[in-house]
Amino acid sequence: GLPEDVSFPEGGSFGFRMMDNLAGQLGGHIKVESSDDGVVFIFEFFEQFYADRIT
């Protein structure tokens, strides 16, 4: 997992900030779950943002 003193995305790397910015530009957000087994990045996008593209 991530070290306890790392906060996402503010205290993270340039790559963390890029992922957060990209998700925001696409109308979504990122959740980060860190444990002793590793890190999970969950990208959530909202259906209504793409509703006009879905048929």
C-alpha atoms as a PDB file:
ATOM      1  CA  GLY A   1       0.000   0.000   0.000  1.00  0.00           C
ATOM      2  CA  LEU A   2       0.868   3.652   0.095  1.00  0.00           C
ATOM      3  CA  PRO A   3       2.855   5.101   2.974  1.00  0.00           C
ATOM      4  CA  GLU A   4       0.594   6.644   5.620  1.00  0.00           C
ATOM      5  CA  ASP A   5       2.044  10.124   5.073  1.00  0.00           C
ATOM      6  CA  VAL A   6       1.018  10.226   1.375  1.00  0.00           C
ATOM      7  CA  SER A   7      -2.291  11.913   0.648  1.00  0.00           C
ATOM      8  CA  PHE A   8      -3.890  11.599  -2.758  1.00  0.00           C
ATOM      9  CA  PRO A   9      -3.637  13.641  -4.950  1.00  0.00           C
ATOM     10  CA  GLU A  10      -2.213  16.644  -3.073  1.00  0.00           C
ATOM     11  CA  GLY A  11       0.791  14.925  -1.547  1.00  0.00           C
ATOM     12  CA  GLY A  12       1.314  12.412  -4.288  1.00  0.00           C
ATOM     13  CA  SER A  13       3.495  12.322  -7.328  1.00  0.00           C
ATOM     14  CA  PHE A  14       3.023  14.085 -10.636  1.00  0.00           C
ATOM     15  CA  GLY A  15       1.399  10.876 -11.924  1.00  0.00           C
ATOM     16  CA  PHE A  16      -1.196  10.951  -9.119  1.00  0.00           C
ATOM     17  CA  ARG A  17      -2.082  14.538  -9.980  1.00  0.00           C
ATOM     18  CA  MET A  18      -2.355  13.674 -13.684  1.00  0.00           C
ATOM     19  CA  MET A  19      -4.788  10.813 -12.958  1.00  0.00           C
ATOM     20  CA  ASP A  20      -6.897  13.065 -10.741  1.00  0.00           C
ATOM     21  CA  ASN A  21      -6.971  15.850 -13.339  1.00  0.00           C
ATOM     22  CA  LEU A  22      -7.904  13.453 -16.141  1.00  0.00           C
ATOM     23  CA  ALA A  23     -10.756  11.950 -14.144  1.00  0.00           C
ATOM     24  CA  GLY A  24     -12.024  15.455 -13.337  1.00  0.00           C
ATOM     25  CA  GLN A  25     -11.882  16.510 -16.989  1.00  0.00           C
ATOM     26  CA  LEU A  26     -13.974  13.461 -17.887  1.00  0.00           C
ATOM     27  CA  GLY A  27     -16.585  14.265 -15.246  1.00  0.00           C
ATOM     28  CA  GLY A  28     -15.545  11.672 -12.693  1.00  0.00           C
ATOM     29  CA  HIS A  29     -13.316  11.191  -9.703  1.00  0.00           C
ATOM     30  CA  ILE A  30     -10.861   8.737  -8.213  1.00  0.00           C
ATOM     31  CA  LYS A  31     -11.058   6.817  -4.961  1.00  0.00           C
ATOM     32  CA  VAL A  32      -7.866   5.374  -3.504  1.00  0.00           C
ATOM     33  CA  GLU A  33      -7.940   2.364  -1.206  1.00  0.00           C
ATOM     34  CA  SER A  34      -4.628   1.414   0.368  1.00  0.00           C
ATOM     35  CA  SER A  35      -3.951  -1.629   2.520  1.00  0.00           C
ATOM     36  CA  ASP A  36      -1.082  -3.937   3.408  1.00  0.00           C
ATOM     37  CA  ASP A  37      -1.969  -5.976   0.295  1.00  0.00           C
ATOM     38  CA  GLY A  38      -1.530  -3.052  -2.113  1.00  0.00           C
ATOM     39  CA  VAL A  39      -3.309  -0.049  -3.584  1.00  0.00           C
ATOM     40  CA  VAL A  40      -6.554   0.089  -5.560  1.00  0.00           C
ATOM     41  CA  PHE A  41      -7.424   3.098  -7.733  1.00  0.00           C
ATOM     42  CA  ILE A  42     -11.149   3.274  -8.507  1.00  0.00           C
ATOM     43  CA  PHE A  43     -12.157   5.584 -11.350  1.00  0.00           C
ATOM     44  CA  GLU A  44     -15.849   6.503 -11.158  1.00  0.00           C
ATOM     45  CA  PHE A  45     -17.636   8.193 -14.051  1.00  0.00           C
ATOM     46  CA  PHE A  46     -21.235   9.261 -13.981  1.00  0.00           C
ATOM     47  CA  GLU A  47     -23.689   8.018 -16.606  1.00  0.00           C
ATOM     48  CA  GLN A  48     -25.459  11.355 -17.030  1.00  0.00           C
ATOM     49  CA  PHE A  49     -22.193  12.923 -18.232  1.00  0.00           C
ATOM     50  CA  TYR A  50     -22.271  10.621 -21.264  1.00  0.00           C
ATOM     51  CA  ALA A  51     -26.048  10.234 -21.603  1.00  0.00           C
ATOM     52  CA  ASP A  52     -26.175  12.020 -24.980  1.00  0.00           C
ATOM     53  CA  ARG A  53     -23.535   9.621 -26.371  1.00  0.00           C
ATOM     54  CA  ILE A  54     -25.317   6.443 -25.257  1.00  0.00           C
ATOM     55  CA  THR A  55     -28.039   5.050 -27.492  1.00  0.00           C
END
